[in-house]
Every structure is written in structure tokens, then in C-alpha cells.
Amino acid sequence: MILVTGGTGFIGQVLIRHLVEMGYQVRTLLRPSQQSPNLPLGLAVEAVVCSLKDERGLRSAMRGVDAVFHLAGAENVGVRADLQGVDIDGSRLLALAAKDAGVRRFLYLSHLGADRASAFKLLKAKGIAEHHIIDSGVPYTIFRSAVVFGPGDHFTTALAYLLRISPLIFLLPGDGNTHIQPIWVEDLVTGMILAMETPDCARNIYSVGGPEYLTIRAAAEMVARAIGVRRMIVPVPAAYLRILTVWFENSPRGFPLGSFWQDYLAADRTCDLDTLPRLFGLMPERFSRKLGYLHPESLSGPNRMNLPSAG
């Protein structure tokens, strides 16, 4: 049995589909909510309703579990995110429950730049979470991922939405020259599953990304071409854009790119280009070649940017 947290998120759904198609039994952890969970359709998945803060519930959810994929995080909530309760304390409790249950592998999806000493709240929380997982004693594998893209994501989808509604100009934080390394969701998920199946990947931290470095300006231009719009891209001081983002996040309509995305884009978020080919024999897809899913009818409303962690 494989337990997946964050299974209703964009990355989690792809992961669950792959695992079920490969013949694995899958259990997903659902946080208590009045809304219907966005579970993958047509797949045999066992669901357990349990908060990451519920220590007793987590121990119960671990019964019969061989491996855990921990994808859940709070960043998509934006300024209201409970990073301490979900990302930090939740990861610690989940790892301890997995260790006590004898789970043979605990795979955690983190971010490039995760560091306990980071000045950015999200990256600091991810770094602390990594520390708790390592200290728990569970056999871990940590993936520090670049920004993830694919159908249903909250990065390219949000960019496409903003580009479509922007009147002639599109605002970018800073000078637009921060580098990212977008990784196709199928490549990330495949690499994580291979790591689960490879004993030598235990107790390792891997930094993974796509096959190219792109500026955020170049990425926005590629998304604009994919959806067939033309916009003048205008750099804006990050401080001003952050104020606008927080204001929009607190509005009833919300804002498609949460406040933490600016932290992620405040510095280059890249790693070695050959990690996936060298370690897992995967040739990752290029960003520009996989944007065909960005059809106008799929962009009817805003979604927050999904950094590599899915919640």
C-alpha cells in the first residue's frame, strides 16, 4: 500500500494515476472539508479523511503502508497559509508516524531553494520540514523540484489567465530576468516513482528540474504565444507587485498567483540540467513543446500558482 498526501492536487492526481496504472494499491489522505474532494476519476483509490495535525489519525492511516509520497503543502492558500501547522508540524508528525509504522520509504516533494535559514517564509518552512523528516529516522528521499507545469497546473494556467485578461500590458516582478527551470509533471512523477523503487535512492536529496533554463519573461512570452495573445511585458519593482498581490489575495475574487510565487521568483531557481537523465535515465520535456493544453476554454477562472508542492 502506498499513501499519498496532496493527492487531490495537480501533481498528486498525476502521481496517483501512474501508481494505480502500475498496479499499486493507493491510499490518499484527505483533509477534513465541507467541499467534495477533487479525487482522480475512474481510479480505485482508498481515501482516509485525516488532518496532518491529527497524530492519532496519521498513525491509523499508516496501517499496511509500504511507502509514503508527501506532496501536501499550504502555500496555495496564499497569505492565509498555515506553514507552521501544515508544512512544518504536519510533515514532522507524518514522518514520525511513518517511522513508527515501519514504512520503507518516505518521499517528500520540496522546492529548489529550501533552506532553514532562508529569508523567504515558504522556502524556510520547506527547509525545516526536510530537517524534521531526516531527523525522524524514516528512510527518506527528498526531491527539491523546480516549478512544475502541466495540464491543470497553477503556474502556466495562472500566467495564461492573467495574460488573457491584461489590457495590452503584463506586469512582471523585478526585471523579468530571474531564471527558472520548469519541469513537466509527468517527468517529475516518473522520477519520484523510480526513486521509490530504487533502494540506492534512500537517504538522498535530489534537486531536479527541466532540460533548460528560462527567464520568467521568456516563460511568459511562450505562454502568450501558446494561447495566441500579444501583450507588452513590463517589469515592475517586486515590492509594488507584492503589495498588489496581497491586496488581491484578500479580495473575494482572489488572485491567481499567490504571494509565495514572488518569493520563489526572487532569485534563480535552477539546478544541474542532467539530473534526471543521469540518475533516472529520463529525458525531460522542453517547456515550449508541452504547452498545447493551454486552451482558452480551460482558463475560465483564476487558480493559484502551484509551486512544486501540491495540496
C-alpha atoms as a PDB file:
ATOM      1  CA  MET A   1       0.000   0.000   0.000  1.00  0.00           C
ATOM      2  CA  ILE A   2       1.216   3.487  -0.906  1.00  0.00           C
ATOM      3  CA  LEU A   3      -0.023   6.548   0.961  1.00  0.00           C
ATOM      4  CA  VAL A   4      -0.197   9.871  -0.905  1.00  0.00           C
ATOM      5  CA  THR A   5      -0.766  13.235   0.743  1.00  0.00           C
ATOM      6  CA  GLY A   6      -1.848  16.074  -1.504  1.00  0.00           C
ATOM      7  CA  GLY A   7      -3.492  13.528  -3.790  1.00  0.00           C
ATOM      8  CA  THR A   8      -6.204  15.961  -4.887  1.00  0.00           C
ATOM      9  CA  GLY A   9      -3.649  18.457  -6.202  1.00  0.00           C
ATOM     10  CA  PHE A  10      -2.399  18.756  -9.732  1.00  0.00           C
ATOM     11  CA  ILE A  11       0.792  16.750  -9.117  1.00  0.00           C
ATOM     12  CA  GLY A  12      -0.878  14.306  -6.750  1.00  0.00           C
ATOM     13  CA  GLN A  13      -3.519  13.327  -9.292  1.00  0.00           C
ATOM     14  CA  VAL A  14      -0.876  12.522 -11.894  1.00  0.00           C
ATOM     15  CA  LEU A  15       1.104  10.527  -9.338  1.00  0.00           C
ATOM     16  CA  ILE A  16      -1.927   8.515  -8.235  1.00  0.00           C
ATOM     17  CA  ARG A  17      -2.856   7.745 -11.850  1.00  0.00           C
ATOM     18  CA  HIS A  18       0.649   6.425 -12.542  1.00  0.00           C
ATOM     19  CA  LEU A  19       0.737   4.325  -9.375  1.00  0.00           C
ATOM     20  CA  VAL A  20      -2.681   2.744  -9.985  1.00  0.00           C
ATOM     21  CA  GLU A  21      -1.856   2.012 -13.632  1.00  0.00           C
ATOM     22  CA  MET A  22       1.329   0.291 -12.432  1.00  0.00           C
ATOM     23  CA  GLY A  23      -0.708  -1.987 -10.191  1.00  0.00           C
ATOM     24  CA  TYR A  24      -0.001  -0.385  -6.818  1.00  0.00           C
ATOM     25  CA  GLN A  25      -2.655  -0.089  -4.141  1.00  0.00           C
ATOM     26  CA  VAL A  26      -3.049   3.577  -3.275  1.00  0.00           C
ATOM     27  CA  ARG A  27      -4.451   5.341  -0.239  1.00  0.00           C
ATOM     28  CA  THR A  28      -4.748   9.122  -0.174  1.00  0.00           C
ATOM     29  CA  LEU A  29      -5.030  11.384   2.813  1.00  0.00           C
ATOM     30  CA  LEU A  30      -7.836  13.944   2.618  1.00  0.00           C
ATOM     31  CA  ARG A  31      -8.046  16.881   4.965  1.00  0.00           C
ATOM     32  CA  PRO A  32     -11.488  17.373   6.580  1.00  0.00           C
ATOM     33  CA  SER A  33     -13.503  19.753   4.419  1.00  0.00           C
ATOM     34  CA  GLN A  34     -17.108  20.594   3.589  1.00  0.00           C
ATOM     35  CA  GLN A  35     -16.232  20.546  -0.096  1.00  0.00           C
ATOM     36  CA  SER A  36     -16.154  17.396  -2.198  1.00  0.00           C
ATOM     37  CA  PRO A  37     -12.566  16.202  -2.724  1.00  0.00           C
ATOM     38  CA  ASN A  38     -11.119  16.509  -6.195  1.00  0.00           C
ATOM     39  CA  LEU A  39     -10.074  12.863  -6.456  1.00  0.00           C
ATOM     40  CA  PRO A  40      -8.809  11.342  -9.720  1.00  0.00           C
ATOM     41  CA  LEU A  41     -11.770   9.956 -11.637  1.00  0.00           C
ATOM     42  CA  GLY A  42     -12.074   6.327 -12.674  1.00  0.00           C
ATOM     43  CA  LEU A  43      -9.288   5.056 -10.398  1.00  0.00           C
ATOM     44  CA  ALA A  44      -9.517   2.661  -7.482  1.00  0.00           C
ATOM     45  CA  VAL A  45      -8.164   4.750  -4.619  1.00  0.00           C
ATOM     46  CA  GLU A  46      -8.728   4.319  -0.903  1.00  0.00           C
ATOM     47  CA  ALA A  47      -9.406   7.628   0.855  1.00  0.00           C
ATOM     48  CA  VAL A  48      -8.781   8.460   4.508  1.00  0.00           C
ATOM     49  CA  VAL A  49     -10.110  11.709   5.985  1.00  0.00           C
ATOM     50  CA  CYS A  50      -7.445  12.988   8.346  1.00  0.00           C
ATOM     51  CA  SER A  51      -5.669  16.260   9.057  1.00  0.00           C
ATOM     52  CA  LEU A  52      -1.879  16.402   9.064  1.00  0.00           C
ATOM     53  CA  LYS A  53      -2.260  17.743  12.611  1.00  0.00           C
ATOM     54  CA  ASP A  54      -4.125  14.613  13.792  1.00  0.00           C
ATOM     55  CA  GLU A  55      -1.390  12.389  15.221  1.00  0.00           C
ATOM     56  CA  ARG A  56      -3.715   9.505  16.063  1.00  0.00           C
ATOM     57  CA  GLY A  57      -5.352   9.653  12.645  1.00  0.00           C
ATOM     58  CA  LEU A  58      -1.986   9.648  10.896  1.00  0.00           C
ATOM     59  CA  ARG A  59      -0.892   6.537  12.768  1.00  0.00           C
ATOM     60  CA  SER A  60      -4.106   4.814  11.741  1.00  0.00           C
ATOM     61  CA  ALA A  61      -3.630   5.861   8.104  1.00  0.00           C
ATOM     62  CA  MET A  62      -0.191   4.190   8.098  1.00  0.00           C
ATOM     63  CA  ARG A  63      -1.539   0.683   8.624  1.00  0.00           C
ATOM     64  CA  GLY A  64      -0.191  -1.601   5.904  1.00  0.00           C
ATOM     65  CA  VAL A  65       1.666   1.244   4.164  1.00  0.00           C
ATOM     66  CA  ASP A  66       4.998   0.472   2.482  1.00  0.00           C
ATOM     67  CA  ALA A  67       5.790   3.901   1.056  1.00  0.00           C
ATOM     68  CA  VAL A  68       4.613   7.479   1.521  1.00  0.00           C
ATOM     69  CA  PHE A  69       4.576  10.276  -1.043  1.00  0.00           C
ATOM     70  CA  HIS A  70       4.225  13.524   0.892  1.00  0.00           C
ATOM     71  CA  LEU A  71       3.112  16.251  -1.524  1.00  0.00           C
ATOM     72  CA  ALA A  72       0.727  18.265   0.659  1.00  0.00           C
ATOM     73  CA  GLY A  73       1.539  21.859   1.487  1.00  0.00           C
ATOM     74  CA  ALA A  74      -0.220  25.068   2.434  1.00  0.00           C
ATOM     75  CA  GLU A  75       1.294  27.588   0.020  1.00  0.00           C
ATOM     76  CA  ASN A  76      -1.667  27.634  -2.372  1.00  0.00           C
ATOM     77  CA  VAL A  77      -3.750  29.339   0.320  1.00  0.00           C
ATOM     78  CA  GLY A  78      -1.519  32.389  -0.031  1.00  0.00           C
ATOM     79  CA  VAL A  79      -1.331  34.891   2.836  1.00  0.00           C
ATOM     80  CA  ARG A  80      -3.619  32.670   4.924  1.00  0.00           C
ATOM     81  CA  ALA A  81      -1.314  29.657   4.620  1.00  0.00           C
ATOM     82  CA  ASP A  82      -0.607  27.773   7.853  1.00  0.00           C
ATOM     83  CA  LEU A  83       3.001  26.922   7.047  1.00  0.00           C
ATOM     84  CA  GLN A  84       3.793  26.087  10.658  1.00  0.00           C
ATOM     85  CA  GLY A  85       0.840  23.764  11.132  1.00  0.00           C
ATOM     86  CA  VAL A  86       0.806  22.050   7.735  1.00  0.00           C
ATOM     87  CA  ASP A  87       4.279  22.157   6.192  1.00  0.00           C
ATOM     88  CA  ILE A  88       6.372  22.046   9.359  1.00  0.00           C
ATOM     89  CA  ASP A  89       4.380  20.325  12.143  1.00  0.00           C
ATOM     90  CA  GLY A  90       2.363  18.242   9.684  1.00  0.00           C
ATOM     91  CA  SER A  91       5.481  16.908   7.972  1.00  0.00           C
ATOM     92  CA  ARG A  92       7.080  16.128  11.327  1.00  0.00           C
ATOM     93  CA  LEU A  93       4.056  14.185  12.594  1.00  0.00           C
ATOM     94  CA  LEU A  94       3.640  12.339   9.298  1.00  0.00           C
ATOM     95  CA  ALA A  95       7.305  11.309   9.212  1.00  0.00           C
ATOM     96  CA  LEU A  96       7.219  10.102  12.821  1.00  0.00           C
ATOM     97  CA  ALA A  97       4.070   8.085  12.153  1.00  0.00           C
ATOM     98  CA  ALA A  98       5.723   6.563   9.079  1.00  0.00           C
ATOM     99  CA  LYS A  99       8.844   5.684  11.070  1.00  0.00           C
ATOM    100  CA  ASP A 100       6.819   4.021  13.828  1.00  0.00           C
ATOM    101  CA  ALA A 101       4.816   2.061  11.238  1.00  0.00           C
ATOM    102  CA  GLY A 102       7.973   0.692   9.609  1.00  0.00           C
ATOM    103  CA  VAL A 103       7.418   2.459   6.282  1.00  0.00           C
ATOM    104  CA  ARG A 104      10.308   1.539   3.983  1.00  0.00           C
ATOM    105  CA  ARG A 105      10.435   4.840   2.055  1.00  0.00           C
ATOM    106  CA  PHE A 106       9.212   8.365   2.676  1.00  0.00           C
ATOM    107  CA  LEU A 107       9.350  10.612  -0.399  1.00  0.00           C
ATOM    108  CA  TYR A 108       8.938  14.346   0.152  1.00  0.00           C
ATOM    109  CA  LEU A 109       8.371  16.951  -2.544  1.00  0.00           C
ATOM    110  CA  SER A 110      10.183  20.161  -1.631  1.00  0.00           C
ATOM    111  CA  HIS A 111      11.350  23.243  -3.545  1.00  0.00           C
ATOM    112  CA  LEU A 112      14.625  24.378  -5.025  1.00  0.00           C
ATOM    113  CA  GLY A 113      15.989  26.872  -2.540  1.00  0.00           C
ATOM    114  CA  ALA A 114      14.535  25.170   0.536  1.00  0.00           C
ATOM    115  CA  ASP A 115      16.677  26.150   3.499  1.00  0.00           C
ATOM    116  CA  ARG A 116      16.053  26.531   7.229  1.00  0.00           C
ATOM    117  CA  ALA A 117      17.969  29.815   7.069  1.00  0.00           C
ATOM    118  CA  SER A 118      16.067  31.220   4.075  1.00  0.00           C
ATOM    119  CA  ALA A 119      14.668  34.742   4.343  1.00  0.00           C
ATOM    120  CA  PHE A 120      11.569  33.583   2.453  1.00  0.00           C
ATOM    121  CA  LYS A 121       8.842  32.059   4.622  1.00  0.00           C
ATOM    122  CA  LEU A 122       7.864  29.228   2.293  1.00  0.00           C
ATOM    123  CA  LEU A 123      11.405  28.125   1.499  1.00  0.00           C
ATOM    124  CA  LYS A 124      12.305  28.324   5.181  1.00  0.00           C
ATOM    125  CA  ALA A 125       9.283  26.170   6.072  1.00  0.00           C
ATOM    126  CA  LYS A 126      10.259  23.588   3.454  1.00  0.00           C
ATOM    127  CA  GLY A 127      13.808  23.528   4.799  1.00  0.00           C
ATOM    128  CA  ILE A 128      12.566  22.962   8.352  1.00  0.00           C
ATOM    129  CA  ALA A 129      10.198  20.240   7.122  1.00  0.00           C
ATOM    130  CA  GLU A 130      13.115  18.491   5.390  1.00  0.00           C
ATOM    131  CA  HIS A 131      15.069  18.652   8.651  1.00  0.00           C
ATOM    132  CA  HIS A 132      12.215  17.049  10.613  1.00  0.00           C
ATOM    133  CA  ILE A 133      11.852  14.270   8.051  1.00  0.00           C
ATOM    134  CA  ILE A 134      15.573  13.476   8.123  1.00  0.00           C
ATOM    135  CA  ASP A 135      15.648  13.556  11.931  1.00  0.00           C
ATOM    136  CA  SER A 136      12.646  11.223  12.195  1.00  0.00           C
ATOM    137  CA  GLY A 137      14.790   8.272  11.120  1.00  0.00           C
ATOM    138  CA  VAL A 138      12.412   7.197   8.363  1.00  0.00           C
ATOM    139  CA  PRO A 139      14.194   6.159   5.117  1.00  0.00           C
ATOM    140  CA  TYR A 140      13.601   9.340   3.151  1.00  0.00           C
ATOM    141  CA  THR A 141      14.089  10.604  -0.383  1.00  0.00           C
ATOM    142  CA  ILE A 142      13.642  14.341  -0.855  1.00  0.00           C
ATOM    143  CA  PHE A 143      13.005  15.948  -4.227  1.00  0.00           C
ATOM    144  CA  ARG A 144      13.769  19.657  -4.386  1.00  0.00           C
ATOM    145  CA  SER A 145      11.900  20.491  -7.530  1.00  0.00           C
ATOM    146  CA  ALA A 146      11.872  23.404  -9.915  1.00  0.00           C
ATOM    147  CA  VAL A 147       8.497  24.899 -10.784  1.00  0.00           C
ATOM    148  CA  VAL A 148       6.206  22.170 -12.166  1.00  0.00           C
ATOM    149  CA  PHE A 149       3.952  22.617 -15.194  1.00  0.00           C
ATOM    150  CA  GLY A 150       1.310  20.547 -16.942  1.00  0.00           C
ATOM    151  CA  PRO A 151      -2.459  20.280 -17.550  1.00  0.00           C
ATOM    152  CA  GLY A 152      -4.348  21.677 -14.582  1.00  0.00           C
ATOM    153  CA  ASP A 153      -1.316  23.353 -13.031  1.00  0.00           C
ATOM    154  CA  HIS A 154      -1.349  26.698 -11.267  1.00  0.00           C
ATOM    155  CA  PHE A 155       1.715  28.182 -12.923  1.00  0.00           C
ATOM    156  CA  THR A 156       1.150  28.247 -16.685  1.00  0.00           C
ATOM    157  CA  THR A 157      -2.620  28.260 -16.194  1.00  0.00           C
ATOM    158  CA  ALA A 158      -2.397  31.310 -13.951  1.00  0.00           C
ATOM    159  CA  LEU A 159       0.011  33.052 -16.316  1.00  0.00           C
ATOM    160  CA  ALA A 160      -2.315  32.337 -19.239  1.00  0.00           C
ATOM    161  CA  TYR A 161      -5.323  33.675 -17.354  1.00  0.00           C
ATOM    162  CA  LEU A 162      -3.525  36.899 -16.384  1.00  0.00           C
ATOM    163  CA  LEU A 163      -2.195  37.353 -19.914  1.00  0.00           C
ATOM    164  CA  ARG A 164      -5.685  36.992 -21.360  1.00  0.00           C
ATOM    165  CA  ILE A 165      -7.306  39.493 -19.013  1.00  0.00           C
ATOM    166  CA  SER A 166      -4.443  42.013 -19.011  1.00  0.00           C
ATOM    167  CA  PRO A 167      -5.259  45.129 -21.061  1.00  0.00           C
ATOM    168  CA  LEU A 168      -2.343  45.285 -23.515  1.00  0.00           C
ATOM    169  CA  ILE A 169       0.400  45.084 -20.857  1.00  0.00           C
ATOM    170  CA  PHE A 170       1.521  42.333 -18.488  1.00  0.00           C
ATOM    171  CA  LEU A 171       3.366  43.086 -15.251  1.00  0.00           C
ATOM    172  CA  LEU A 172       6.381  41.016 -14.243  1.00  0.00           C
ATOM    173  CA  PRO A 173       8.212  41.185 -10.912  1.00  0.00           C
ATOM    174  CA  GLY A 174      11.656  42.775 -10.957  1.00  0.00           C
ATOM    175  CA  ASP A 175      13.363  42.909 -14.331  1.00  0.00           C
ATOM    176  CA  GLY A 176      11.882  39.619 -15.553  1.00  0.00           C
ATOM    177  CA  ASN A 177      15.331  38.039 -15.834  1.00  0.00           C
ATOM    178  CA  THR A 178      15.095  35.647 -12.900  1.00  0.00           C
ATOM    179  CA  HIS A 179      15.789  32.133 -14.163  1.00  0.00           C
ATOM    180  CA  ILE A 180      13.512  29.145 -13.678  1.00  0.00           C
ATOM    181  CA  GLN A 181      13.815  25.565 -14.881  1.00  0.00           C
ATOM    182  CA  PRO A 182      10.255  24.295 -15.500  1.00  0.00           C
ATOM    183  CA  ILE A 183       9.800  20.550 -15.141  1.00  0.00           C
ATOM    184  CA  TRP A 184       6.997  18.648 -16.901  1.00  0.00           C
ATOM    185  CA  VAL A 185       4.752  16.994 -14.318  1.00  0.00           C
ATOM    186  CA  GLU A 186       4.994  13.562 -15.956  1.00  0.00           C
ATOM    187  CA  ASP A 187       8.804  13.699 -15.748  1.00  0.00           C
ATOM    188  CA  LEU A 188       8.751  14.662 -12.074  1.00  0.00           C
ATOM    189  CA  VAL A 189       6.270  11.931 -11.149  1.00  0.00           C
ATOM    190  CA  THR A 190       8.161   9.285 -13.122  1.00  0.00           C
ATOM    191  CA  GLY A 191      11.406  10.230 -11.390  1.00  0.00           C
ATOM    192  CA  MET A 192       9.794  10.032  -7.953  1.00  0.00           C
ATOM    193  CA  ILE A 193       8.336   6.595  -8.633  1.00  0.00           C
ATOM    194  CA  LEU A 194      11.691   5.341  -9.913  1.00  0.00           C
ATOM    195  CA  ALA A 195      13.301   6.672  -6.731  1.00  0.00           C
ATOM    196  CA  MET A 196      10.765   4.779  -4.632  1.00  0.00           C
ATOM    197  CA  GLU A 197      11.613   1.572  -6.473  1.00  0.00           C
ATOM    198  CA  THR A 198      15.395   2.073  -6.238  1.00  0.00           C
ATOM    199  CA  PRO A 199      16.917   1.151  -2.849  1.00  0.00           C
ATOM    200  CA  ASP A 200      20.034   3.263  -3.510  1.00  0.00           C
ATOM    201  CA  CYS A 201      17.872   6.407  -3.607  1.00  0.00           C
ATOM    202  CA  ALA A 202      17.113   6.133   0.106  1.00  0.00           C
ATOM    203  CA  ARG A 203      18.516   8.862   2.368  1.00  0.00           C
ATOM    204  CA  ASN A 204      19.261  11.160  -0.546  1.00  0.00           C
ATOM    205  CA  ILE A 205      18.204  14.668  -1.541  1.00  0.00           C
ATOM    206  CA  TYR A 206      17.819  15.348  -5.260  1.00  0.00           C
ATOM    207  CA  SER A 207      17.485  18.742  -6.950  1.00  0.00           C
ATOM    208  CA  VAL A 208      15.510  18.276 -10.164  1.00  0.00           C
ATOM    209  CA  GLY A 209      14.322  20.486 -12.994  1.00  0.00           C
ATOM    210  CA  GLY A 210      13.646  20.542 -16.692  1.00  0.00           C
ATOM    211  CA  PRO A 211      16.163  20.473 -19.570  1.00  0.00           C
ATOM    212  CA  GLU A 212      16.543  24.256 -19.971  1.00  0.00           C
ATOM    213  CA  TYR A 213      16.980  27.494 -18.067  1.00  0.00           C
ATOM    214  CA  LEU A 214      14.402  30.172 -18.885  1.00  0.00           C
ATOM    215  CA  THR A 215      13.859  33.687 -17.640  1.00  0.00           C
ATOM    216  CA  ILE A 216      10.403  34.338 -16.269  1.00  0.00           C
ATOM    217  CA  ARG A 217      10.000  36.825 -19.132  1.00  0.00           C
ATOM    218  CA  ALA A 218      10.754  34.114 -21.708  1.00  0.00           C
ATOM    219  CA  ALA A 219       8.328  31.722 -19.997  1.00  0.00           C
ATOM    220  CA  ALA A 220       5.567  34.351 -20.074  1.00  0.00           C
ATOM    221  CA  GLU A 221       6.234  35.025 -23.753  1.00  0.00           C
ATOM    222  CA  MET A 222       5.988  31.293 -24.545  1.00  0.00           C
ATOM    223  CA  VAL A 223       2.677  31.035 -22.679  1.00  0.00           C
ATOM    224  CA  ALA A 224       1.377  34.105 -24.548  1.00  0.00           C
ATOM    225  CA  ARG A 225       2.246  32.506 -27.880  1.00  0.00           C
ATOM    226  CA  ALA A 226       0.631  29.230 -26.815  1.00  0.00           C
ATOM    227  CA  ILE A 227      -2.702  30.953 -26.137  1.00  0.00           C
ATOM    228  CA  GLY A 228      -2.447  33.295 -29.108  1.00  0.00           C
ATOM    229  CA  VAL A 229      -2.263  36.697 -27.401  1.00  0.00           C
ATOM    230  CA  ARG A 230       0.149  39.611 -27.647  1.00  0.00           C
ATOM    231  CA  ARG A 231       0.998  41.694 -24.603  1.00  0.00           C
ATOM    232  CA  MET A 232       3.673  44.231 -23.772  1.00  0.00           C
ATOM    233  CA  ILE A 233       5.620  42.761 -20.847  1.00  0.00           C
ATOM    234  CA  VAL A 234       6.501  45.499 -18.368  1.00  0.00           C
ATOM    235  CA  PRO A 235       8.914  44.952 -15.455  1.00  0.00           C
ATOM    236  CA  VAL A 236       7.597  46.197 -12.100  1.00  0.00           C
ATOM    237  CA  PRO A 237       9.538  46.568  -8.831  1.00  0.00           C
ATOM    238  CA  ALA A 238       8.830  43.444  -6.797  1.00  0.00           C
ATOM    239  CA  ALA A 239       7.829  45.456  -3.714  1.00  0.00           C
ATOM    240  CA  TYR A 240       4.954  47.172  -5.556  1.00  0.00           C
ATOM    241  CA  LEU A 241       3.756  43.956  -7.119  1.00  0.00           C
ATOM    242  CA  ARG A 242       3.861  42.221  -3.728  1.00  0.00           C
ATOM    243  CA  ILE A 243       1.527  44.853  -2.270  1.00  0.00           C
ATOM    244  CA  LEU A 244      -0.901  44.362  -5.147  1.00  0.00           C
ATOM    245  CA  THR A 245      -0.736  40.593  -4.767  1.00  0.00           C
ATOM    246  CA  VAL A 246      -1.544  40.685  -1.043  1.00  0.00           C
ATOM    247  CA  TRP A 247      -4.420  43.098  -1.702  1.00  0.00           C
ATOM    248  CA  PHE A 248      -5.886  40.887  -4.412  1.00  0.00           C
ATOM    249  CA  GLU A 249      -5.431  37.748  -2.313  1.00  0.00           C
ATOM    250  CA  ASN A 250      -7.631  39.272   0.381  1.00  0.00           C
ATOM    251  CA  SER A 251     -10.322  40.237  -2.083  1.00  0.00           C
ATOM    252  CA  PRO A 252     -13.378  37.980  -2.581  1.00  0.00           C
ATOM    253  CA  ARG A 253     -12.273  37.027  -6.096  1.00  0.00           C
ATOM    254  CA  GLY A 254      -8.751  36.128  -5.056  1.00  0.00           C
ATOM    255  CA  PHE A 255      -5.634  36.296  -7.183  1.00  0.00           C
ATOM    256  CA  PRO A 256      -4.371  33.512  -9.440  1.00  0.00           C
ATOM    257  CA  LEU A 257      -0.719  33.839  -8.383  1.00  0.00           C
ATOM    258  CA  GLY A 258      -0.370  33.562  -4.601  1.00  0.00           C
ATOM    259  CA  SER A 259       2.025  35.723  -2.609  1.00  0.00           C
ATOM    260  CA  PHE A 260       4.624  32.960  -2.269  1.00  0.00           C
ATOM    261  CA  TRP A 261       5.281  32.831  -6.012  1.00  0.00           C
ATOM    262  CA  GLN A 262       7.211  36.086  -5.733  1.00  0.00           C
ATOM    263  CA  ASP A 263       9.461  34.512  -3.105  1.00  0.00           C
ATOM    264  CA  TYR A 264      10.143  31.669  -5.482  1.00  0.00           C
ATOM    265  CA  LEU A 265      10.961  34.062  -8.306  1.00  0.00           C
ATOM    266  CA  ALA A 266      13.069  36.421  -6.199  1.00  0.00           C
ATOM    267  CA  ALA A 267      16.219  34.509  -7.158  1.00  0.00           C
ATOM    268  CA  ASP A 268      17.260  31.983  -9.781  1.00  0.00           C
ATOM    269  CA  ARG A 269      15.673  28.593  -9.048  1.00  0.00           C
ATOM    270  CA  THR A 270      17.754  26.179 -11.090  1.00  0.00           C
ATOM    271  CA  CYS A 271      19.857  23.053 -10.686  1.00  0.00           C
ATOM    272  CA  ASP A 272      22.019  20.808 -12.886  1.00  0.00           C
ATOM    273  CA  LEU A 273      20.393  20.120 -16.238  1.00  0.00           C
ATOM    274  CA  ASP A 274      21.428  16.466 -16.317  1.00  0.00           C
ATOM    275  CA  THR A 275      19.960  15.251 -13.005  1.00  0.00           C
ATOM    276  CA  LEU A 276      17.016  13.313 -14.428  1.00  0.00           C
ATOM    277  CA  PRO A 277      18.964  11.769 -17.348  1.00  0.00           C
ATOM    278  CA  ARG A 278      21.962  10.903 -15.180  1.00  0.00           C
ATOM    279  CA  LEU A 279      20.139   9.456 -12.179  1.00  0.00           C
ATOM    280  CA  PHE A 280      16.934   8.062 -13.671  1.00  0.00           C
ATOM    281  CA  GLY A 281      17.564   7.713 -17.409  1.00  0.00           C
ATOM    282  CA  LEU A 282      14.814  10.247 -18.208  1.00  0.00           C
ATOM    283  CA  MET A 283      14.997  12.817 -20.998  1.00  0.00           C
ATOM    284  CA  PRO A 284      12.759  15.625 -19.681  1.00  0.00           C
ATOM    285  CA  GLU A 285      10.402  17.527 -21.950  1.00  0.00           C
ATOM    286  CA  ARG A 286      11.103  21.106 -23.006  1.00  0.00           C
ATOM    287  CA  PHE A 287       8.721  23.797 -21.759  1.00  0.00           C
ATOM    288  CA  SER A 288       7.750  25.179 -25.169  1.00  0.00           C
ATOM    289  CA  ARG A 289       6.890  21.736 -26.579  1.00  0.00           C
ATOM    290  CA  LYS A 290       4.295  20.845 -23.926  1.00  0.00           C
ATOM    291  CA  LEU A 291       2.028  23.903 -23.729  1.00  0.00           C
ATOM    292  CA  GLY A 292      -0.681  22.623 -26.053  1.00  0.00           C
ATOM    293  CA  TYR A 293      -3.008  22.037 -23.096  1.00  0.00           C
ATOM    294  CA  LEU A 294      -3.460  25.787 -22.593  1.00  0.00           C
ATOM    295  CA  HIS A 295      -6.746  26.130 -24.454  1.00  0.00           C
ATOM    296  CA  PRO A 296      -8.885  29.213 -23.794  1.00  0.00           C
ATOM    297  CA  GLU A 297     -11.875  27.161 -22.614  1.00  0.00           C
ATOM    298  CA  SER A 298      -9.767  25.696 -19.797  1.00  0.00           C
ATOM    299  CA  LEU A 299      -8.782  29.123 -18.482  1.00  0.00           C
ATOM    300  CA  SER A 300     -12.196  30.392 -17.361  1.00  0.00           C
ATOM    301  CA  GLY A 301     -11.106  31.312 -13.848  1.00  0.00           C
ATOM    302  CA  PRO A 302      -8.054  32.003 -11.710  1.00  0.00           C
ATOM    303  CA  ASN A 303      -6.056  29.324  -9.931  1.00  0.00           C
ATOM    304  CA  ARG A 304      -3.210  29.981  -7.570  1.00  0.00           C
ATOM    305  CA  MET A 305       0.256  29.167  -8.752  1.00  0.00           C
ATOM    306  CA  ASN A 306       1.210  25.659  -7.753  1.00  0.00           C
ATOM    307  CA  LEU A 307       4.823  25.566  -6.721  1.00  0.00           C
ATOM    308  CA  PRO A 308       6.299  22.028  -6.758  1.00  0.00           C
ATOM    309  CA  SER A 309       4.261  21.070  -3.777  1.00  0.00           C
ATOM    310  CA  ALA A 310       0.607  20.041  -4.376  1.00  0.00           C
ATOM    311  CA  GLY A 311      -2.013  20.418  -1.735  1.00  0.00           C
END
